[in-house]
Amino acid sequence: MSTLPEWLPLIPWQGYVEMRKKKRAVMTERAMELRIADLAKLKAEGEDIGAVLDQSTANGWTDVYPLKERRATPRQSPAFDNSRLGKHGQATANAALDWLEGK
């Protein structure tokens, strides 16, 4: 890939590539194409690509993921069912989620 897509922010991309080199996880040309395709999907989902790349760089991740604050919390997840926790367990779980959400 000789040119990067115009929507790909150069500084976060360079930082991500440099981090991978330091981890000895240098990307091949094909790996770059695949990673950019992953970023294009995240962009289509409304993610801030610069922030996604910075998140991976800061955490030393060789892959890219949606921003942590945009991921579903257990309350938003249909698979989360705290009814098995009992009355006190539910209160504790809800208080912890409130704290995590900054309420």
C-alpha atoms as a PDB file:
ATOM      1  CA  MET A   1       0.000   0.000   0.000  1.00  0.00           C
ATOM      2  CA  SER A   2       1.839   3.062  -1.191  1.00  0.00           C
ATOM      3  CA  THR A   3      -0.662   5.672  -0.031  1.00  0.00           C
ATOM      4  CA  LEU A   4      -2.827   5.842   3.044  1.00  0.00           C
ATOM      5  CA  PRO A   5      -6.527   6.725   2.831  1.00  0.00           C
ATOM      6  CA  GLU A   6      -7.122  10.437   3.320  1.00  0.00           C
ATOM      7  CA  TRP A   7      -9.407   9.779   6.324  1.00  0.00           C
ATOM      8  CA  LEU A   8      -6.573   8.026   8.221  1.00  0.00           C
ATOM      9  CA  PRO A   9      -4.901  10.505  10.612  1.00  0.00           C
ATOM     10  CA  LEU A  10      -1.167  10.373   9.942  1.00  0.00           C
ATOM     11  CA  ILE A  11       0.272  11.106  13.399  1.00  0.00           C
ATOM     12  CA  PRO A  12      -1.818   8.489  15.266  1.00  0.00           C
ATOM     13  CA  TRP A  13      -1.099   5.968  12.483  1.00  0.00           C
ATOM     14  CA  GLN A  14       2.657   6.610  12.651  1.00  0.00           C
ATOM     15  CA  GLY A  15       2.578   6.278  16.437  1.00  0.00           C
ATOM     16  CA  TYR A  16       0.716   2.967  16.145  1.00  0.00           C
ATOM     17  CA  VAL A  17       3.180   1.614  13.545  1.00  0.00           C
ATOM     18  CA  GLU A  18       6.153   2.750  15.668  1.00  0.00           C
ATOM     19  CA  MET A  19       4.704   1.066  18.781  1.00  0.00           C
ATOM     20  CA  ARG A  20       4.290  -2.179  16.839  1.00  0.00           C
ATOM     21  CA  LYS A  21       7.899  -1.979  15.630  1.00  0.00           C
ATOM     22  CA  LYS A  22       9.106  -1.577  19.214  1.00  0.00           C
ATOM     23  CA  LYS A  23       7.078  -4.644  20.172  1.00  0.00           C
ATOM     24  CA  ARG A  24       8.714  -6.502  17.294  1.00  0.00           C
ATOM     25  CA  ALA A  25       5.327  -6.878  15.627  1.00  0.00           C
ATOM     26  CA  VAL A  26       6.224  -5.082  12.401  1.00  0.00           C
ATOM     27  CA  MET A  27       3.376  -5.131   9.904  1.00  0.00           C
ATOM     28  CA  THR A  28       3.788  -6.574   6.445  1.00  0.00           C
ATOM     29  CA  GLU A  29       2.196  -4.798   3.513  1.00  0.00           C
ATOM     30  CA  ARG A  30      -0.742  -7.224   3.698  1.00  0.00           C
ATOM     31  CA  ALA A  31      -1.088  -6.738   7.450  1.00  0.00           C
ATOM     32  CA  MET A  32      -1.298  -2.967   6.900  1.00  0.00           C
ATOM     33  CA  GLU A  33      -4.039  -3.460   4.321  1.00  0.00           C
ATOM     34  CA  LEU A  34      -5.983  -5.662   6.738  1.00  0.00           C
ATOM     35  CA  ARG A  35      -5.546  -3.224   9.640  1.00  0.00           C
ATOM     36  CA  ILE A  36      -6.700  -0.303   7.498  1.00  0.00           C
ATOM     37  CA  ALA A  37      -9.748  -2.371   6.485  1.00  0.00           C
ATOM     38  CA  ASP A  38     -10.469  -2.920  10.207  1.00  0.00           C
ATOM     39  CA  LEU A  39     -10.155   0.824  10.794  1.00  0.00           C
ATOM     40  CA  ALA A  40     -12.491   1.531   7.858  1.00  0.00           C
ATOM     41  CA  LYS A  41     -15.140  -0.676   9.511  1.00  0.00           C
ATOM     42  CA  LEU A  42     -14.699   1.142  12.811  1.00  0.00           C
ATOM     43  CA  LYS A  43     -14.945   4.485  10.977  1.00  0.00           C
ATOM     44  CA  ALA A  44     -18.209   3.353   9.375  1.00  0.00           C
ATOM     45  CA  GLU A  45     -19.497   2.571  12.886  1.00  0.00           C
ATOM     46  CA  GLY A  46     -18.768   6.162  13.931  1.00  0.00           C
ATOM     47  CA  GLU A  47     -15.496   5.615  15.771  1.00  0.00           C
ATOM     48  CA  ASP A  48     -12.845   8.356  15.966  1.00  0.00           C
ATOM     49  CA  ILE A  49      -9.992   6.616  14.138  1.00  0.00           C
ATOM     50  CA  GLY A  50      -7.274   8.785  15.660  1.00  0.00           C
ATOM     51  CA  ALA A  51      -8.559   7.975  19.142  1.00  0.00           C
ATOM     52  CA  VAL A  52      -8.829   4.259  18.279  1.00  0.00           C
ATOM     53  CA  LEU A  53      -5.202   4.218  17.122  1.00  0.00           C
ATOM     54  CA  ASP A  54      -4.054   6.209  20.159  1.00  0.00           C
ATOM     55  CA  GLN A  55      -5.910   3.789  22.450  1.00  0.00           C
ATOM     56  CA  SER A  56      -4.110   0.815  20.888  1.00  0.00           C
ATOM     57  CA  THR A  57      -0.765   2.630  21.010  1.00  0.00           C
ATOM     58  CA  ALA A  58      -1.178   3.679  24.649  1.00  0.00           C
ATOM     59  CA  ASN A  59      -2.146   0.163  25.699  1.00  0.00           C
ATOM     60  CA  GLY A  60       0.459  -1.602  23.545  1.00  0.00           C
ATOM     61  CA  TRP A  61      -2.215  -3.461  21.589  1.00  0.00           C
ATOM     62  CA  THR A  62      -1.243  -4.807  18.179  1.00  0.00           C
ATOM     63  CA  ASP A  63      -4.905  -4.879  17.142  1.00  0.00           C
ATOM     64  CA  VAL A  64      -7.506  -2.099  17.065  1.00  0.00           C
ATOM     65  CA  TYR A  65     -10.763  -2.025  19.012  1.00  0.00           C
ATOM     66  CA  PRO A  66     -13.721   0.314  19.507  1.00  0.00           C
ATOM     67  CA  LEU A  67     -13.050   2.955  22.130  1.00  0.00           C
ATOM     68  CA  LYS A  68     -13.518   1.634  25.651  1.00  0.00           C
ATOM     69  CA  GLU A  69     -16.049   4.301  26.605  1.00  0.00           C
ATOM     70  CA  ARG A  70     -18.168   3.369  23.585  1.00  0.00           C
ATOM     71  CA  ARG A  71     -18.335  -0.327  24.447  1.00  0.00           C
ATOM     72  CA  ALA A  72     -21.573  -1.562  25.964  1.00  0.00           C
ATOM     73  CA  THR A  73     -21.716  -1.633  29.731  1.00  0.00           C
ATOM     74  CA  PRO A  74     -23.203  -4.729  31.341  1.00  0.00           C
ATOM     75  CA  ARG A  75     -26.499  -2.862  31.823  1.00  0.00           C
ATOM     76  CA  GLN A  76     -26.736  -2.272  28.089  1.00  0.00           C
ATOM     77  CA  SER A  77     -25.892  -5.857  27.281  1.00  0.00           C
ATOM     78  CA  PRO A  78     -28.891  -8.157  26.907  1.00  0.00           C
ATOM     79  CA  ALA A  79     -26.765 -11.020  28.245  1.00  0.00           C
ATOM     80  CA  PHE A  80     -26.284  -9.314  31.640  1.00  0.00           C
ATOM     81  CA  ASP A  81     -28.804 -10.626  34.150  1.00  0.00           C
ATOM     82  CA  ASN A  82     -28.193  -9.711  37.749  1.00  0.00           C
ATOM     83  CA  SER A  83     -31.426 -11.327  38.985  1.00  0.00           C
ATOM     84  CA  ARG A  84     -29.406 -14.322  40.182  1.00  0.00           C
ATOM     85  CA  LEU A  85     -27.366 -12.104  42.495  1.00  0.00           C
ATOM     86  CA  GLY A  86     -30.080 -11.603  45.094  1.00  0.00           C
ATOM     87  CA  LYS A  87     -31.260  -8.301  46.530  1.00  0.00           C
ATOM     88  CA  HIS A  88     -27.936  -7.249  48.073  1.00  0.00           C
ATOM     89  CA  GLY A  89     -25.881  -8.494  45.123  1.00  0.00           C
ATOM     90  CA  GLN A  90     -28.059  -6.511  42.720  1.00  0.00           C
ATOM     91  CA  ALA A  91     -27.649  -3.369  44.818  1.00  0.00           C
ATOM     92  CA  THR A  92     -23.878  -3.862  44.924  1.00  0.00           C
ATOM     93  CA  ALA A  93     -23.675  -4.516  41.174  1.00  0.00           C
ATOM     94  CA  ASN A  94     -25.810  -1.460  40.378  1.00  0.00           C
ATOM     95  CA  ALA A  95     -23.743   0.734  42.722  1.00  0.00           C
ATOM     96  CA  ALA A  96     -20.540  -0.475  41.059  1.00  0.00           C
ATOM     97  CA  LEU A  97     -21.934   0.245  37.597  1.00  0.00           C
ATOM     98  CA  ASP A  98     -23.072   3.709  38.723  1.00  0.00           C
ATOM     99  CA  TRP A  99     -19.581   4.376  40.046  1.00  0.00           C
ATOM    100  CA  LEU A 100     -17.984   3.179  36.795  1.00  0.00           C
ATOM    101  CA  GLU A 101     -20.322   5.417  34.784  1.00  0.00           C
ATOM    102  CA  GLY A 102     -19.457   8.402  37.016  1.00  0.00           C
ATOM    103  CA  LYS A 103     -22.925   8.857  38.484  1.00  0.00           C
END
